[in-house]
Protein backbone atom coordinates (compact mmCIF):
# COMPACT_ATOMS: atom_id res chain seq x y z
CA MET A 1 12.45 13.85 25.42
CA VAL A 2 13.42 10.84 23.27
CA ASN A 3 17.01 9.98 22.36
CA GLY A 4 18.00 13.47 23.42
CA LEU A 5 15.30 15.10 21.22
CA THR A 6 12.39 17.16 22.51
CA ARG A 7 8.99 16.52 20.90
CA SER A 8 9.43 19.66 18.80
CA GLU A 9 12.93 18.58 17.69
CA LEU A 10 11.65 15.09 16.86
CA LYS A 11 8.89 16.57 14.71
CA ASP A 12 11.39 18.82 12.90
CA PHE A 13 13.74 15.88 12.36
CA LEU A 14 10.98 13.67 10.92
CA ASN A 15 9.65 16.50 8.74
CA GLU A 16 13.15 17.03 7.36
CA LYS A 17 13.65 13.31 6.65
CA SER A 18 10.19 12.97 5.10
CA PHE A 19 10.98 15.82 2.72
CA GLN A 20 14.42 14.34 1.96
CA TYR A 21 13.00 10.99 0.83
CA ASN A 22 9.66 12.16 -0.59
CA GLN A 23 11.34 13.19 -3.85
CA LYS A 24 11.09 11.93 -7.43
CA SER A 25 14.52 10.31 -7.04
CA PHE A 26 12.86 7.91 -4.53
CA ILE A 27 10.82 6.42 -7.39
CA GLU A 28 13.94 5.06 -9.14
CA SER A 29 14.56 2.34 -6.55
CA ASP A 30 11.02 1.77 -5.28
CA PRO A 31 8.18 -0.48 -6.56
CA ILE A 32 6.05 2.66 -6.99
CA GLN A 33 7.98 3.19 -10.25
CA VAL A 34 5.79 0.51 -11.89
CA PRO A 35 2.44 2.37 -11.77
CA HIS A 36 4.33 5.57 -12.64
CA ILE A 37 4.59 4.35 -16.24
CA PHE A 38 0.84 5.04 -16.63
CA THR A 39 -1.27 8.19 -16.88
CA LYS A 40 -4.80 6.71 -16.91
CA LYS A 41 -6.38 6.54 -13.43
CA GLU A 42 -7.56 2.93 -13.74
CA ASP A 43 -4.21 1.71 -15.07
CA ILE A 44 -2.39 3.46 -12.23
CA GLU A 45 -4.60 1.98 -9.51
CA ILE A 46 -4.57 -1.56 -10.93
CA ALA A 47 -0.79 -1.51 -11.43
CA SER A 48 -0.41 -0.07 -7.92
CA PHE A 49 -2.67 -2.70 -6.38
CA LEU A 50 -0.95 -5.65 -8.08
CA THR A 51 2.52 -4.26 -7.32
CA SER A 52 1.70 -3.66 -3.66
CA ILE A 53 0.27 -7.16 -3.27
CA ILE A 54 3.60 -8.78 -4.16
CA ALA A 55 5.69 -6.21 -2.26
CA TRP A 56 7.60 -8.49 0.03
CA GLY A 57 11.11 -9.81 -0.39
CA GLN A 58 13.92 -8.16 -2.35
CA ARG A 59 12.91 -4.85 -3.90
CA LYS A 60 14.62 -5.63 -7.22
CA THR A 61 12.63 -8.88 -7.49
CA ILE A 62 9.39 -7.13 -6.56
CA ILE A 63 9.97 -4.52 -9.27
CA ARG A 64 10.97 -7.10 -11.90
CA ASN A 65 7.93 -9.31 -11.23
CA SER A 66 5.59 -6.32 -11.11
CA TYR A 67 6.72 -5.27 -14.57
CA LYS A 68 6.17 -8.89 -15.68
CA MET A 69 2.57 -8.77 -14.46
CA ILE A 70 1.95 -5.56 -16.38
CA GLU A 71 3.50 -7.05 -19.51
CA ILE A 72 1.29 -10.14 -19.17
CA LEU A 73 -1.70 -7.76 -19.08
CA ASP A 74 -0.59 -6.34 -22.48
CA ASN A 75 0.78 -3.20 -20.77
CA SER A 76 -2.82 -2.01 -20.51
CA PRO A 77 -4.19 -3.52 -17.28
CA HIS A 78 -7.59 -1.81 -17.21
CA ASP A 79 -8.39 -2.68 -20.82
CA PHE A 80 -7.17 -6.26 -20.36
CA ILE A 81 -9.19 -6.78 -17.19
CA LEU A 82 -12.41 -5.44 -18.73
CA ASN A 83 -12.13 -7.23 -22.06
CA SER A 84 -10.29 -10.49 -21.35
CA SER A 85 -12.16 -13.75 -21.74
CA GLU A 86 -12.21 -16.58 -19.18
CA LYS A 87 -9.95 -18.51 -21.54
CA GLU A 88 -7.39 -15.72 -21.72
CA ILE A 89 -7.35 -15.31 -17.95
CA GLU A 90 -6.79 -19.04 -17.44
CA LYS A 91 -3.58 -18.79 -19.49
CA LEU A 92 -2.03 -16.11 -17.26
CA HIS A 93 1.13 -17.21 -15.47
CA ILE A 94 3.27 -15.41 -12.89
CA VAL A 95 5.14 -16.56 -9.80
CA HIS A 96 6.43 -14.31 -7.02
CA ARG A 97 7.41 -16.26 -3.92
CA THR A 98 4.11 -17.80 -2.73
CA PHE A 99 1.98 -15.73 -5.14
CA ASN A 100 1.31 -18.16 -8.00
CA PRO A 101 -0.81 -18.42 -11.19
CA ILE A 102 -3.89 -19.57 -9.22
CA ASP A 103 -3.69 -16.38 -7.16
CA PHE A 104 -2.98 -14.12 -10.13
CA ARG A 105 -5.88 -15.47 -12.17
CA TYR A 106 -8.28 -15.06 -9.25
CA PHE A 107 -7.07 -11.49 -8.73
CA ILE A 108 -7.69 -10.60 -12.39
CA LYS A 109 -11.17 -12.20 -12.40
CA THR A 110 -12.08 -10.39 -9.18
CA LEU A 111 -10.75 -7.04 -10.36
CA LYS A 112 -12.96 -7.48 -13.43
CA ARG A 113 -15.96 -8.05 -11.14
CA ILE A 114 -15.06 -5.01 -9.02
CA TYR A 115 -14.77 -2.70 -12.04
CA LEU A 116 -17.98 -3.99 -13.62
CA SER A 117 -20.08 -4.21 -10.43
CA HIS A 118 -18.67 -1.48 -8.21
CA GLY A 119 -17.26 0.99 -10.71
CA GLY A 120 -13.65 0.54 -9.66
CA LEU A 121 -11.24 -0.03 -6.80
CA GLU A 122 -11.71 3.35 -5.16
CA ASN A 123 -15.41 2.73 -4.56
CA VAL A 124 -14.80 -0.47 -2.56
CA PHE A 125 -12.44 1.32 -0.16
CA ILE A 126 -14.48 4.45 0.63
CA PRO A 127 -15.09 4.53 4.39
CA ASP A 128 -18.15 5.63 6.29
CA ASN A 129 -18.00 9.35 7.14
CA LYS A 130 -17.67 8.50 10.83
CA GLU A 131 -14.58 6.31 10.42
CA LYS A 132 -11.36 7.71 11.88
CA ASP A 133 -9.12 5.21 10.13
CA MET A 134 -9.16 2.79 7.19
CA HIS A 135 -9.10 -0.45 9.18
CA LEU A 136 -12.81 -1.29 8.78
CA SER A 137 -12.62 -0.37 5.08
CA ILE A 138 -9.71 -2.77 4.57
CA HIS A 139 -11.63 -5.51 6.39
CA ASN A 140 -14.72 -4.86 4.24
CA PHE A 141 -12.60 -4.79 1.09
CA LYS A 142 -11.28 -8.27 1.84
CA ASN A 143 -14.85 -9.53 2.27
CA ILE A 144 -15.81 -8.04 -1.11
CA PHE A 145 -12.69 -9.42 -2.77
CA PHE A 146 -13.33 -12.95 -1.53
CA LYS A 147 -17.09 -13.00 -1.98
CA LYS A 148 -17.58 -16.30 -3.82
CA ASN A 149 -15.79 -19.21 -5.48
CA PHE A 150 -12.33 -18.30 -4.24
CA PRO A 151 -9.27 -20.51 -3.67
CA ILE A 152 -8.62 -20.64 0.09
CA ARG A 153 -4.87 -20.34 -0.54
CA THR A 154 -5.35 -16.94 -2.22
CA THR A 155 -6.93 -15.31 0.85
CA LYS A 156 -3.51 -15.02 2.52
CA HIS A 157 -2.46 -12.40 -0.04
CA ILE A 158 -4.84 -9.77 1.32
CA SER A 159 -4.45 -9.09 5.03
CA ASP A 160 -7.18 -8.24 7.51
CA PRO A 161 -6.49 -5.79 10.37
CA PHE A 162 -9.25 -7.39 12.43
CA LYS A 163 -7.29 -10.63 12.35
CA GLY A 164 -4.28 -8.86 13.81
CA SER A 165 -2.34 -7.96 10.66
CA ALA A 166 -0.45 -4.69 10.18
CA CYS A 167 -1.68 -4.79 6.54
CA LYS A 168 1.58 -3.22 5.34
CA ARG A 169 0.93 -3.80 1.64
CA ILE A 170 -2.66 -2.52 1.57
CA ASN A 171 -1.70 0.53 3.65
CA MET A 172 1.15 1.22 1.22
CA PHE A 173 -1.28 0.94 -1.71
CA LEU A 174 -3.66 3.37 0.00
CA ARG A 175 -0.82 5.84 0.63
CA TRP A 176 0.03 5.75 -3.07
CA MET A 177 -3.59 6.34 -4.10
CA VAL A 178 -4.69 8.93 -1.53
CA ARG A 179 -1.72 11.11 -0.55
CA SER A 180 -1.28 14.17 -2.73
CA ASP A 181 1.54 16.70 -2.65
CA LYS A 182 3.78 18.53 -5.10
CA ASN A 183 6.67 16.07 -4.79
CA GLY A 184 5.34 13.62 -7.37
CA VAL A 185 5.89 10.29 -5.59
CA ASP A 186 2.40 9.40 -4.35
CA PHE A 187 -0.39 9.76 -6.91
CA GLY A 188 -3.26 11.31 -4.94
CA ILE A 189 -5.80 10.19 -7.54
CA TRP A 190 -8.40 9.05 -4.98
CA LYS A 191 -10.26 12.13 -3.80
CA LYS A 192 -13.01 10.48 -1.73
CA ILE A 193 -10.68 9.39 1.10
CA SER A 194 -8.88 11.79 3.44
CA PRO A 195 -5.12 11.28 3.95
CA SER A 196 -5.74 12.08 7.63
CA ILE A 197 -7.20 8.59 8.23
CA LEU A 198 -4.43 6.60 6.53
CA SER A 199 -2.04 4.35 8.47
CA CYS A 200 1.69 3.93 8.04
CA PRO A 201 2.72 0.80 6.09
CA LEU A 202 4.43 -0.82 9.06
CA ASP A 203 7.23 -3.27 8.34
CA ILE A 204 10.49 -4.37 9.97
CA HIS A 205 12.36 -1.23 8.83
CA SER A 206 9.79 1.41 9.76
CA GLY A 207 8.95 -0.49 12.96
CA ASN A 208 12.55 -0.60 14.18
CA VAL A 209 13.09 3.10 13.46
CA ALA A 210 9.77 4.02 15.14
CA ARG A 211 10.86 2.15 18.30
CA LYS A 212 14.27 3.83 18.38
CA LEU A 213 12.57 7.21 18.09
CA GLY A 214 10.06 6.42 20.85
CA LEU A 215 7.08 6.41 18.50
CA LEU A 216 6.29 2.76 19.13
CA ASN A 217 6.53 0.62 22.25
CA ARG A 218 4.90 -2.59 21.02
CA THR A 219 7.52 -5.13 19.92
CA GLN A 220 5.40 -6.91 17.27
CA ASN A 221 4.63 -5.35 13.89
CA ASP A 222 0.91 -6.11 14.03
CA HIS A 223 -2.45 -4.32 14.05
CA LYS A 224 -2.05 -3.14 17.65
CA ALA A 225 1.31 -1.61 16.72
CA VAL A 226 -0.32 0.21 13.78
CA LEU A 227 -3.00 1.63 16.12
CA GLU A 228 -0.27 2.86 18.48
CA LEU A 229 1.74 4.39 15.66
CA ASP A 230 -1.43 6.00 14.23
CA ILE A 231 -1.84 8.02 17.43
CA LYS A 232 1.78 9.15 17.52
CA LEU A 233 2.02 10.15 13.85
CA ARG A 234 -1.33 11.98 13.89
CA SER A 235 -0.12 13.98 16.90
CA LEU A 236 2.76 15.18 14.69
CA ASP A 237 0.62 15.93 11.60
CA ILE A 238 -3.13 15.46 11.92
CA LYS A 239 -3.78 16.11 8.21
CA ASP A 240 -1.04 13.97 6.64
CA PRO A 241 0.36 11.47 9.17
CA VAL A 242 1.64 8.92 6.64
CA LYS A 243 4.09 11.36 5.08
CA TYR A 244 6.30 10.12 7.93
CA ASP A 245 6.45 6.72 6.24
CA PHE A 246 9.12 8.29 4.00
CA ALA A 247 11.16 9.26 7.05
CA LEU A 248 10.83 5.93 8.88
CA PHE A 249 11.46 3.85 5.76
CA GLY A 250 14.30 6.05 4.50
CA LEU A 251 16.06 6.09 7.86
CA GLY A 252 15.77 2.30 8.12
CA VAL A 253 16.57 1.19 4.58
CA PHE A 254 18.95 3.88 3.32
CA GLU A 255 20.62 5.04 6.51
CA GLY A 256 20.52 1.89 8.68
CA PHE A 257 19.29 4.06 11.54
């Protein structure tokens, strides 16, 4: 029993809260609204990736700067990335906190390489069939992303779970791409990855709520905390554990739980 709730009551409570926040109305105040302006798979995943990468700080600022990035890419990110010249890329300019034009230009050049050499973002995240989570895939993705001629400063914008990071932004991006339900928030356009191996995008809000509910004992929001939370959330729903991100985030941000 946790906070007066049995395990069954806790599961019911979290299911109810997940359903409450996993609604189209959630999109209106969340950065996920940015990729929702697109219908083409590649545009959605590129807009999602770029938006998730700058998703720290005030949500209004994140949303505003994400729309700016899309506008800079002529509101057609996939087409821009495939067809832009080196000269055009070198003129790109955006600043979001510590994410600066050097970082943005490298990201666009590297996305171009990934789409031309690997056939897209989804293909560089697909895990081995034996993997029970996405942590190795995220680590491998970072190695692919920073393969050659990269600015050292830019590496900080993609986290690595094997270096102790909770990888909140990448896990959020993966939730957007992989989860699929009828509620219309997450896209579910990546079919080669199972939602059962996703991890919750752990941040200060979801972490604090998880601790209050007895889902997390570790005090730091790091990779070890994600591993602990993975076990607890999968015990509640083995097929779709990260649906509970809506509950933890909603309780923390909207209800001050």
